[in-house]
Amino acid sequence: LGIGLRDPVVSWGVMISEAQTSLRVAPTLLLFPGAFLIVTVLAFVMLGDAVRDAFDPKGR
């Protein structure tokens, strides 16, 4: 599709993709970006649940 970040831009997805090649040598290169990505996704899920609970009176 051609959408997304270009090569010099650093993102967690790019860091995870590049760390897969050196997983056996340096597993922390994959561990930290993956952990931050998981924590961020879980935080947004919990925020969405809290907003839904606050604005949906029938769900209570």
C-alpha atoms as a PDB file:
ATOM      1  CA  LEU A   1       0.000   0.000   0.000  1.00  0.00           C
ATOM      2  CA  GLY A   2       2.910   2.333   0.561  1.00  0.00           C
ATOM      3  CA  ILE A   3       1.553   3.827   3.759  1.00  0.00           C
ATOM      4  CA  GLY A   4       3.494   3.805   6.979  1.00  0.00           C
ATOM      5  CA  LEU A   5       6.769   5.073   8.293  1.00  0.00           C
ATOM      6  CA  ARG A   6       9.819   5.417   6.105  1.00  0.00           C
ATOM      7  CA  ASP A   7      13.222   3.968   6.989  1.00  0.00           C
ATOM      8  CA  PRO A   8      14.898   6.687   9.128  1.00  0.00           C
ATOM      9  CA  VAL A   9      11.884   7.000  11.449  1.00  0.00           C
ATOM     10  CA  VAL A  10      12.064   4.976  14.667  1.00  0.00           C
ATOM     11  CA  SER A  11       8.898   3.275  15.895  1.00  0.00           C
ATOM     12  CA  TRP A  12       8.191   0.349  18.171  1.00  0.00           C
ATOM     13  CA  GLY A  13       7.121  -1.764  15.205  1.00  0.00           C
ATOM     14  CA  VAL A  14      10.349  -1.047  13.322  1.00  0.00           C
ATOM     15  CA  MET A  15      12.396  -1.756  16.458  1.00  0.00           C
ATOM     16  CA  ILE A  16      10.614  -5.094  16.976  1.00  0.00           C
ATOM     17  CA  SER A  17      11.068  -6.041  13.328  1.00  0.00           C
ATOM     18  CA  GLU A  18      14.785  -5.261  13.391  1.00  0.00           C
ATOM     19  CA  ALA A  19      15.285  -7.032  16.744  1.00  0.00           C
ATOM     20  CA  GLN A  20      13.895 -10.307  15.401  1.00  0.00           C
ATOM     21  CA  THR A  21      17.082 -10.874  13.419  1.00  0.00           C
ATOM     22  CA  SER A  22      19.281 -10.694  16.526  1.00  0.00           C
ATOM     23  CA  LEU A  23      16.953 -12.386  19.005  1.00  0.00           C
ATOM     24  CA  ARG A  24      19.417 -15.084  20.072  1.00  0.00           C
ATOM     25  CA  VAL A  25      22.288 -12.637  20.641  1.00  0.00           C
ATOM     26  CA  ALA A  26      20.451  -9.773  22.359  1.00  0.00           C
ATOM     27  CA  PRO A  27      16.897 -10.648  23.446  1.00  0.00           C
ATOM     28  CA  THR A  28      16.491  -7.340  25.286  1.00  0.00           C
ATOM     29  CA  LEU A  29      16.327  -5.575  21.926  1.00  0.00           C
ATOM     30  CA  LEU A  30      12.982  -7.303  21.420  1.00  0.00           C
ATOM     31  CA  LEU A  31      11.868  -7.384  25.050  1.00  0.00           C
ATOM     32  CA  PHE A  32      11.657  -3.676  25.835  1.00  0.00           C
ATOM     33  CA  PRO A  33       9.857  -2.405  22.686  1.00  0.00           C
ATOM     34  CA  GLY A  34       7.478  -5.376  22.881  1.00  0.00           C
ATOM     35  CA  ALA A  35       6.735  -4.746  26.550  1.00  0.00           C
ATOM     36  CA  PHE A  36       6.114  -1.041  25.976  1.00  0.00           C
ATOM     37  CA  LEU A  37       3.815  -1.844  23.054  1.00  0.00           C
ATOM     38  CA  ILE A  38       1.819  -4.330  25.146  1.00  0.00           C
ATOM     39  CA  VAL A  39       1.518  -1.901  28.071  1.00  0.00           C
ATOM     40  CA  THR A  40       0.381   0.905  25.756  1.00  0.00           C
ATOM     41  CA  VAL A  41      -2.263  -1.256  24.065  1.00  0.00           C
ATOM     42  CA  LEU A  42      -3.570  -2.486  27.423  1.00  0.00           C
ATOM     43  CA  ALA A  43      -3.730   1.103  28.704  1.00  0.00           C
ATOM     44  CA  PHE A  44      -5.847   2.161  25.711  1.00  0.00           C
ATOM     45  CA  VAL A  45      -8.136  -0.850  26.172  1.00  0.00           C
ATOM     46  CA  MET A  46      -8.617  -0.009  29.842  1.00  0.00           C
ATOM     47  CA  LEU A  47      -9.227   3.655  28.978  1.00  0.00           C
ATOM     48  CA  GLY A  48     -11.847   2.636  26.418  1.00  0.00           C
ATOM     49  CA  ASP A  49     -13.585   0.422  28.973  1.00  0.00           C
ATOM     50  CA  ALA A  50     -13.610   3.250  31.508  1.00  0.00           C
ATOM     51  CA  VAL A  51     -15.060   5.710  28.991  1.00  0.00           C
ATOM     52  CA  ARG A  52     -17.717   3.185  27.950  1.00  0.00           C
ATOM     53  CA  ASP A  53     -18.645   2.550  31.580  1.00  0.00           C
ATOM     54  CA  ALA A  54     -18.878   6.280  32.242  1.00  0.00           C
ATOM     55  CA  PHE A  55     -21.112   7.060  29.248  1.00  0.00           C
ATOM     56  CA  ASP A  56     -23.246   3.895  29.024  1.00  0.00           C
ATOM     57  CA  PRO A  57     -25.857   3.888  31.776  1.00  0.00           C
ATOM     58  CA  LYS A  58     -27.464   0.633  30.548  1.00  0.00           C
ATOM     59  CA  GLY A  59     -24.241  -1.328  31.017  1.00  0.00           C
ATOM     60  CA  ARG A  60     -24.306  -0.953  34.790  1.00  0.00           C
END
